[in-house]
Amino acid sequence: RSVQDFGAVGDGKTDDTAALNRALEKNGLLYFPAGTYLVSGQLKPPPRKGGAPSRRILQGEHRERTVIRLADRTPG
């Protein structure tokens, strides 16, 4: 499913962190349409049984037109 189905905007201005975390909770394969996805915090997939992080696949529409950008002054 597209991350936009979970509220991600991809305009480079809107903080998409919460939407991307919602998508990570529900899907193993995340599709990112062309855009710039601003992230200001940690992206956390839910743990598997036993506590290990679950594996997720992030697939962008286009190598140059799909960007995940870390916001300035993001902690950590």
PDB file of N, CA and C in Angstrom:
ATOM      1  N   ARG A   1       0.826  -1.189   0.000  1.00  0.00           N
ATOM      2  CA  ARG A   1       0.000   0.000   0.000  1.00  0.00           C
ATOM      3  C   ARG A   1       0.864   1.245   0.000  1.00  0.00           C
ATOM      4  N   SER A   2       0.337   2.292  -0.540  1.00  0.00           N
ATOM      5  CA  SER A   2       1.038   3.566  -0.603  1.00  0.00           C
ATOM      6  C   SER A   2       1.062   4.219   0.781  1.00  0.00           C
ATOM      7  N   VAL A   3       2.185   4.873   1.094  1.00  0.00           N
ATOM      8  CA  VAL A   3       2.262   5.598   2.357  1.00  0.00           C
ATOM      9  C   VAL A   3       1.267   6.755   2.383  1.00  0.00           C
ATOM     10  N   GLN A   4       0.843   7.207   1.222  1.00  0.00           N
ATOM     11  CA  GLN A   4      -0.158   8.270   1.174  1.00  0.00           C
ATOM     12  C   GLN A   4      -1.521   7.785   1.676  1.00  0.00           C
ATOM     13  N   ASP A   5      -1.761   6.472   1.628  1.00  0.00           N
ATOM     14  CA  ASP A   5      -2.994   5.915   2.189  1.00  0.00           C
ATOM     15  C   ASP A   5      -3.045   6.084   3.709  1.00  0.00           C
ATOM     16  N   PHE A   6      -1.892   6.343   4.327  1.00  0.00           N
ATOM     17  CA  PHE A   6      -1.806   6.511   5.773  1.00  0.00           C
ATOM     18  C   PHE A   6      -1.603   7.970   6.170  1.00  0.00           C
ATOM     19  N   GLY A   7      -1.721   8.870   5.201  1.00  0.00           N
ATOM     20  CA  GLY A   7      -1.660  10.297   5.482  1.00  0.00           C
ATOM     21  C   GLY A   7      -0.356  10.988   5.135  1.00  0.00           C
ATOM     22  N   ALA A   8       0.633  10.271   4.614  1.00  0.00           N
ATOM     23  CA  ALA A   8       1.873  10.924   4.200  1.00  0.00           C
ATOM     24  C   ALA A   8       1.587  11.829   3.007  1.00  0.00           C
ATOM     25  N   VAL A   9       2.227  12.998   2.998  1.00  0.00           N
ATOM     26  CA  VAL A   9       1.960  13.985   1.956  1.00  0.00           C
ATOM     27  C   VAL A   9       3.061  13.991   0.897  1.00  0.00           C
ATOM     28  N   GLY A  10       4.317  13.983   1.326  1.00  0.00           N
ATOM     29  CA  GLY A  10       5.417  13.955   0.363  1.00  0.00           C
ATOM     30  C   GLY A  10       5.681  15.268  -0.330  1.00  0.00           C
ATOM     31  N   ASP A  11       5.357  16.396   0.346  1.00  0.00           N
ATOM     32  CA  ASP A  11       5.582  17.707  -0.264  1.00  0.00           C
ATOM     33  C   ASP A  11       6.882  18.370   0.195  1.00  0.00           C
ATOM     34  N   GLY A  12       7.635  17.704   1.077  1.00  0.00           N
ATOM     35  CA  GLY A  12       8.890  18.249   1.580  1.00  0.00           C
ATOM     36  C   GLY A  12       8.720  19.273   2.680  1.00  0.00           C
ATOM     37  N   LYS A  13       7.487  19.631   3.029  1.00  0.00           N
ATOM     38  CA  LYS A  13       7.206  20.622   4.071  1.00  0.00           C
ATOM     39  C   LYS A  13       6.445  20.012   5.238  1.00  0.00           C
ATOM     40  N   THR A  14       5.535  19.098   4.931  1.00  0.00           N
ATOM     41  CA  THR A  14       4.714  18.449   5.952  1.00  0.00           C
ATOM     42  C   THR A  14       5.520  17.342   6.626  1.00  0.00           C
ATOM     43  N   ASP A  15       5.456  17.286   7.954  1.00  0.00           N
ATOM     44  CA  ASP A  15       6.144  16.219   8.688  1.00  0.00           C
ATOM     45  C   ASP A  15       5.363  14.925   8.492  1.00  0.00           C
ATOM     46  N   ASP A  16       5.974  13.960   7.826  1.00  0.00           N
ATOM     47  CA  ASP A  16       5.324  12.688   7.505  1.00  0.00           C
ATOM     48  C   ASP A  16       5.655  11.566   8.499  1.00  0.00           C
ATOM     49  N   THR A  17       6.356  11.884   9.582  1.00  0.00           N
ATOM     50  CA  THR A  17       6.809  10.854  10.522  1.00  0.00           C
ATOM     51  C   THR A  17       5.660  10.001  11.053  1.00  0.00           C
ATOM     52  N   ALA A  18       4.603  10.606  11.563  1.00  0.00           N
ATOM     53  CA  ALA A  18       3.491   9.849  12.155  1.00  0.00           C
ATOM     54  C   ALA A  18       2.814   8.973  11.097  1.00  0.00           C
ATOM     55  N   ALA A  19       2.608   9.503   9.909  1.00  0.00           N
ATOM     56  CA  ALA A  19       1.972   8.719   8.842  1.00  0.00           C
ATOM     57  C   ALA A  19       2.832   7.524   8.448  1.00  0.00           C
ATOM     58  N   LEU A  20       4.141   7.723   8.369  1.00  0.00           N
ATOM     59  CA  LEU A  20       5.027   6.624   8.002  1.00  0.00           C
ATOM     60  C   LEU A  20       5.056   5.558   9.098  1.00  0.00           C
ATOM     61  N   ASN A  21       5.005   5.973  10.351  1.00  0.00           N
ATOM     62  CA  ASN A  21       4.947   4.985  11.434  1.00  0.00           C
ATOM     63  C   ASN A  21       3.629   4.204  11.411  1.00  0.00           C
ATOM     64  N   ARG A  22       2.533   4.858  11.059  1.00  0.00           N
ATOM     65  CA  ARG A  22       1.251   4.139  10.916  1.00  0.00           C
ATOM     66  C   ARG A  22       1.366   3.100   9.799  1.00  0.00           C
ATOM     67  N   ALA A  23       1.985   3.485   8.698  1.00  0.00           N
ATOM     68  CA  ALA A  23       2.164   2.556   7.571  1.00  0.00           C
ATOM     69  C   ALA A  23       3.060   1.386   7.966  1.00  0.00           C
ATOM     70  N   LEU A  24       4.117   1.658   8.721  1.00  0.00           N
ATOM     71  CA  LEU A  24       5.023   0.601   9.168  1.00  0.00           C
ATOM     72  C   LEU A  24       4.318  -0.421  10.059  1.00  0.00           C
ATOM     73  N   GLU A  25       3.351   0.034  10.843  1.00  0.00           N
ATOM     74  CA  GLU A  25       2.611  -0.859  11.738  1.00  0.00           C
ATOM     75  C   GLU A  25       1.746  -1.852  10.968  1.00  0.00           C
ATOM     76  N   LYS A  26       1.292  -1.467   9.798  1.00  0.00           N
ATOM     77  CA  LYS A  26       0.292  -2.255   9.081  1.00  0.00           C
ATOM     78  C   LYS A  26       0.797  -3.049   7.890  1.00  0.00           C
ATOM     79  N   ASN A  27       1.978  -2.693   7.351  1.00  0.00           N
ATOM     80  CA  ASN A  27       2.408  -3.297   6.091  1.00  0.00           C
ATOM     81  C   ASN A  27       3.872  -3.692   6.107  1.00  0.00           C
ATOM     82  N   GLY A  28       4.186  -4.742   5.383  1.00  0.00           N
ATOM     83  CA  GLY A  28       5.565  -5.174   5.220  1.00  0.00           C
ATOM     84  C   GLY A  28       6.243  -4.514   4.035  1.00  0.00           C
ATOM     85  N   LEU A  29       5.459  -4.067   3.053  1.00  0.00           N
ATOM     86  CA  LEU A  29       5.984  -3.384   1.876  1.00  0.00           C
ATOM     87  C   LEU A  29       5.340  -2.006   1.800  1.00  0.00           C
ATOM     88  N   LEU A  30       6.167  -0.971   1.862  1.00  0.00           N
ATOM     89  CA  LEU A  30       5.659   0.391   1.791  1.00  0.00           C
ATOM     90  C   LEU A  30       6.060   1.000   0.460  1.00  0.00           C
ATOM     91  N   TYR A  31       5.090   1.516  -0.261  1.00  0.00           N
ATOM     92  CA  TYR A  31       5.321   2.152  -1.556  1.00  0.00           C
ATOM     93  C   TYR A  31       5.280   3.669  -1.387  1.00  0.00           C
ATOM     94  N   PHE A  32       6.328   4.332  -1.845  1.00  0.00           N
ATOM     95  CA  PHE A  32       6.442   5.775  -1.772  1.00  0.00           C
ATOM     96  C   PHE A  32       6.294   6.361  -3.168  1.00  0.00           C
ATOM     97  N   PRO A  33       5.156   7.012  -3.478  1.00  0.00           N
ATOM     98  CA  PRO A  33       5.050   7.722  -4.747  1.00  0.00           C
ATOM     99  C   PRO A  33       6.101   8.841  -4.800  1.00  0.00           C
ATOM    100  N   ALA A  34       6.402   9.338  -5.984  1.00  0.00           N
ATOM    101  CA  ALA A  34       7.377  10.421  -6.123  1.00  0.00           C
ATOM    102  C   ALA A  34       7.015  11.565  -5.186  1.00  0.00           C
ATOM    103  N   GLY A  35       8.019  12.108  -4.522  1.00  0.00           N
ATOM    104  CA  GLY A  35       7.827  13.206  -3.585  1.00  0.00           C
ATOM    105  C   GLY A  35       8.973  13.235  -2.595  1.00  0.00           C
ATOM    106  N   THR A  36       8.949  14.230  -1.708  1.00  0.00           N
ATOM    107  CA  THR A  36       9.939  14.347  -0.639  1.00  0.00           C
ATOM    108  C   THR A  36       9.209  14.194   0.680  1.00  0.00           C
ATOM    109  N   TYR A  37       9.555  13.157   1.410  1.00  0.00           N
ATOM    110  CA  TYR A  37       8.892  12.804   2.664  1.00  0.00           C
ATOM    111  C   TYR A  37       9.763  13.265   3.822  1.00  0.00           C
ATOM    112  N   LEU A  38       9.273  14.252   4.578  1.00  0.00           N
ATOM    113  CA  LEU A  38      10.019  14.845   5.672  1.00  0.00           C
ATOM    114  C   LEU A  38       9.816  14.020   6.941  1.00  0.00           C
ATOM    115  N   VAL A  39      10.928  13.654   7.586  1.00  0.00           N
ATOM    116  CA  VAL A  39      10.896  12.831   8.797  1.00  0.00           C
ATOM    117  C   VAL A  39      11.611  13.595   9.906  1.00  0.00           C
ATOM    118  N   SER A  40      10.956  13.735  11.069  1.00  0.00           N
ATOM    119  CA  SER A  40      11.537  14.489  12.178  1.00  0.00           C
ATOM    120  C   SER A  40      11.784  13.622  13.413  1.00  0.00           C
ATOM    121  N   GLY A  41      11.567  12.345  13.291  1.00  0.00           N
ATOM    122  CA  GLY A  41      11.762  11.449  14.428  1.00  0.00           C
ATOM    123  C   GLY A  41      12.045  10.048  13.945  1.00  0.00           C
ATOM    124  N   GLN A  42      12.088   9.144  14.894  1.00  0.00           N
ATOM    125  CA  GLN A  42      12.433   7.760  14.584  1.00  0.00           C
ATOM    126  C   GLN A  42      11.288   7.037  13.883  1.00  0.00           C
ATOM    127  N   LEU A  43      11.625   6.247  12.874  1.00  0.00           N
ATOM    128  CA  LEU A  43      10.657   5.361  12.233  1.00  0.00           C
ATOM    129  C   LEU A  43      10.808   4.003  12.902  1.00  0.00           C
ATOM    130  N   LYS A  44       9.717   3.486  13.442  1.00  0.00           N
ATOM    131  CA  LYS A  44       9.787   2.277  14.259  1.00  0.00           C
ATOM    132  C   LYS A  44       8.820   1.209  13.770  1.00  0.00           C
ATOM    133  N   PRO A  45       9.326   0.167  13.108  1.00  0.00           N
ATOM    134  CA  PRO A  45       8.447  -0.956  12.790  1.00  0.00           C
ATOM    135  C   PRO A  45       8.105  -1.698  14.072  1.00  0.00           C
ATOM    136  N   PRO A  46       6.935  -2.317  14.141  1.00  0.00           N
ATOM    137  CA  PRO A  46       6.563  -3.039  15.351  1.00  0.00           C
ATOM    138  C   PRO A  46       7.468  -4.260  15.542  1.00  0.00           C
ATOM    139  N   PRO A  47       7.688  -4.658  16.794  1.00  0.00           N
ATOM    140  CA  PRO A  47       8.549  -5.814  17.036  1.00  0.00           C
ATOM    141  C   PRO A  47       7.864  -7.125  16.652  1.00  0.00           C
ATOM    142  N   ARG A  48       8.686  -8.104  16.296  1.00  0.00           N
ATOM    143  CA  ARG A  48       8.192  -9.465  16.081  1.00  0.00           C
ATOM    144  C   ARG A  48       8.083 -10.155  17.432  1.00  0.00           C
ATOM    145  N   LYS A  49       7.497 -11.316  17.447  1.00  0.00           N
ATOM    146  CA  LYS A  49       7.473 -12.097  18.670  1.00  0.00           C
ATOM    147  C   LYS A  49       8.907 -12.317  19.114  1.00  0.00           C
ATOM    148  N   GLY A  50       9.185 -12.109  20.376  1.00  0.00           N
ATOM    149  CA  GLY A  50      10.533 -12.231  20.895  1.00  0.00           C
ATOM    150  C   GLY A  50      11.242 -10.890  20.977  1.00  0.00           C
ATOM    151  N   GLY A  51      10.630  -9.841  20.433  1.00  0.00           N
ATOM    152  CA  GLY A  51      11.161  -8.495  20.587  1.00  0.00           C
ATOM    153  C   GLY A  51      12.037  -7.975  19.464  1.00  0.00           C
ATOM    154  N   ALA A  52      12.455  -8.812  18.519  1.00  0.00           N
ATOM    155  CA  ALA A  52      13.303  -8.329  17.419  1.00  0.00           C
ATOM    156  C   ALA A  52      12.473  -7.457  16.476  1.00  0.00           C
ATOM    157  N   PRO A  53      13.067  -6.397  15.910  1.00  0.00           N
ATOM    158  CA  PRO A  53      12.316  -5.562  14.968  1.00  0.00           C
ATOM    159  C   PRO A  53      11.885  -6.369  13.740  1.00  0.00           C
ATOM    160  N   SER A  54      10.717  -6.054  13.241  1.00  0.00           N
ATOM    161  CA  SER A  54      10.243  -6.732  12.039  1.00  0.00           C
ATOM    162  C   SER A  54      10.872  -6.092  10.803  1.00  0.00           C
ATOM    163  N   ARG A  55      10.990  -6.858   9.753  1.00  0.00           N
ATOM    164  CA  ARG A  55      11.591  -6.377   8.509  1.00  0.00           C
ATOM    165  C   ARG A  55      10.530  -5.657   7.679  1.00  0.00           C
ATOM    166  N   ARG A  56      10.934  -4.559   7.076  1.00  0.00           N
ATOM    167  CA  ARG A  56      10.060  -3.803   6.192  1.00  0.00           C
ATOM    168  C   ARG A  56      10.812  -3.497   4.907  1.00  0.00           C
ATOM    169  N   ILE A  57      10.087  -3.418   3.806  1.00  0.00           N
ATOM    170  CA  ILE A  57      10.658  -3.060   2.512  1.00  0.00           C
ATOM    171  C   ILE A  57      10.079  -1.704   2.118  1.00  0.00           C
ATOM    172  N   LEU A  58      10.961  -0.768   1.782  1.00  0.00           N
ATOM    173  CA  LEU A  58      10.549   0.559   1.343  1.00  0.00           C
ATOM    174  C   LEU A  58      10.842   0.660  -0.147  1.00  0.00           C
ATOM    175  N   GLN A  59       9.798   0.890  -0.934  1.00  0.00           N
ATOM    176  CA  GLN A  59       9.938   0.936  -2.396  1.00  0.00           C
ATOM    177  C   GLN A  59       9.510   2.305  -2.895  1.00  0.00           C
ATOM    178  N   GLY A  60      10.434   3.014  -3.538  1.00  0.00           N
ATOM    179  CA  GLY A  60      10.121   4.325  -4.097  1.00  0.00           C
ATOM    180  C   GLY A  60       9.707   4.218  -5.552  1.00  0.00           C
ATOM    181  N   GLU A  61       8.892   5.157  -5.991  1.00  0.00           N
ATOM    182  CA  GLU A  61       8.433   5.181  -7.384  1.00  0.00           C
ATOM    183  C   GLU A  61       9.581   5.449  -8.343  1.00  0.00           C
ATOM    184  N   HIS A  62      10.498   6.341  -7.956  1.00  0.00           N
ATOM    185  CA  HIS A  62      11.560   6.749  -8.868  1.00  0.00           C
ATOM    186  C   HIS A  62      12.823   7.056  -8.082  1.00  0.00           C
ATOM    187  N   ARG A  63      13.953   6.626  -8.592  1.00  0.00           N
ATOM    188  CA  ARG A  63      15.227   6.769  -7.893  1.00  0.00           C
ATOM    189  C   ARG A  63      15.569   8.228  -7.550  1.00  0.00           C
ATOM    190  N   GLU A  64      15.331   9.153  -8.459  1.00  0.00           N
ATOM    191  CA  GLU A  64      15.661  10.554  -8.207  1.00  0.00           C
ATOM    192  C   GLU A  64      14.492  11.380  -7.687  1.00  0.00           C
ATOM    193  N   ARG A  65      13.268  10.923  -7.872  1.00  0.00           N
ATOM    194  CA  ARG A  65      12.113  11.748  -7.501  1.00  0.00           C
ATOM    195  C   ARG A  65      11.404  11.283  -6.238  1.00  0.00           C
ATOM    196  N   THR A  66      11.929  10.270  -5.574  1.00  0.00           N
ATOM    197  CA  THR A  66      11.364   9.836  -4.300  1.00  0.00           C
ATOM    198  C   THR A  66      12.462   9.971  -3.252  1.00  0.00           C
ATOM    199  N   VAL A  67      12.235  10.881  -2.284  1.00  0.00           N
ATOM    200  CA  VAL A  67      13.258  11.220  -1.298  1.00  0.00           C
ATOM    201  C   VAL A  67      12.654  11.141   0.095  1.00  0.00           C
ATOM    202  N   ILE A  68      13.397  10.536   1.031  1.00  0.00           N
ATOM    203  CA  ILE A  68      13.054  10.599   2.455  1.00  0.00           C
ATOM    204  C   ILE A  68      14.098  11.519   3.072  1.00  0.00           C
ATOM    205  N   ARG A  69      13.650  12.671   3.566  1.00  0.00           N
ATOM    206  CA  ARG A  69      14.568  13.694   4.081  1.00  0.00           C
ATOM    207  C   ARG A  69      14.415  13.830   5.585  1.00  0.00           C
ATOM    208  N   LEU A  70      15.545  13.857   6.270  1.00  0.00           N
ATOM    209  CA  LEU A  70      15.568  14.068   7.710  1.00  0.00           C
ATOM    210  C   LEU A  70      15.472  15.567   7.973  1.00  0.00           C
ATOM    211  N   ALA A  71      14.552  15.973   8.833  1.00  0.00           N
ATOM    212  CA  ALA A  71      14.368  17.390   9.149  1.00  0.00           C
ATOM    213  C   ALA A  71      15.593  17.934   9.879  1.00  0.00           C
ATOM    214  N   ASP A  72      15.854  19.222   9.701  1.00  0.00           N
ATOM    215  CA  ASP A  72      16.945  19.881  10.420  1.00  0.00           C
ATOM    216  C   ASP A  72      16.737  19.750  11.928  1.00  0.00           C
ATOM    217  N   ARG A  73      17.833  19.570  12.631  1.00  0.00           N
ATOM    218  CA  ARG A  73      17.856  19.507  14.093  1.00  0.00           C
ATOM    219  C   ARG A  73      17.039  18.349  14.679  1.00  0.00           C
ATOM    220  N   THR A  74      16.904  17.289  13.925  1.00  0.00           N
ATOM    221  CA  THR A  74      16.222  16.113  14.438  1.00  0.00           C
ATOM    222  C   THR A  74      17.137  15.437  15.461  1.00  0.00           C
ATOM    223  N   PRO A  75      16.626  15.151  16.668  1.00  0.00           N
ATOM    224  CA  PRO A  75      17.480  14.511  17.689  1.00  0.00           C
ATOM    225  C   PRO A  75      17.863  13.092  17.282  1.00  0.00           C
ATOM    226  N   GLY A  76      19.041  12.688  17.764  1.00  0.00           N
ATOM    227  CA  GLY A  76      19.491  11.319  17.543  1.00  0.00           C
ATOM    228  C   GLY A  76      20.170  11.156  16.238  1.00  0.00           C
TER     229      GLY A  76
END
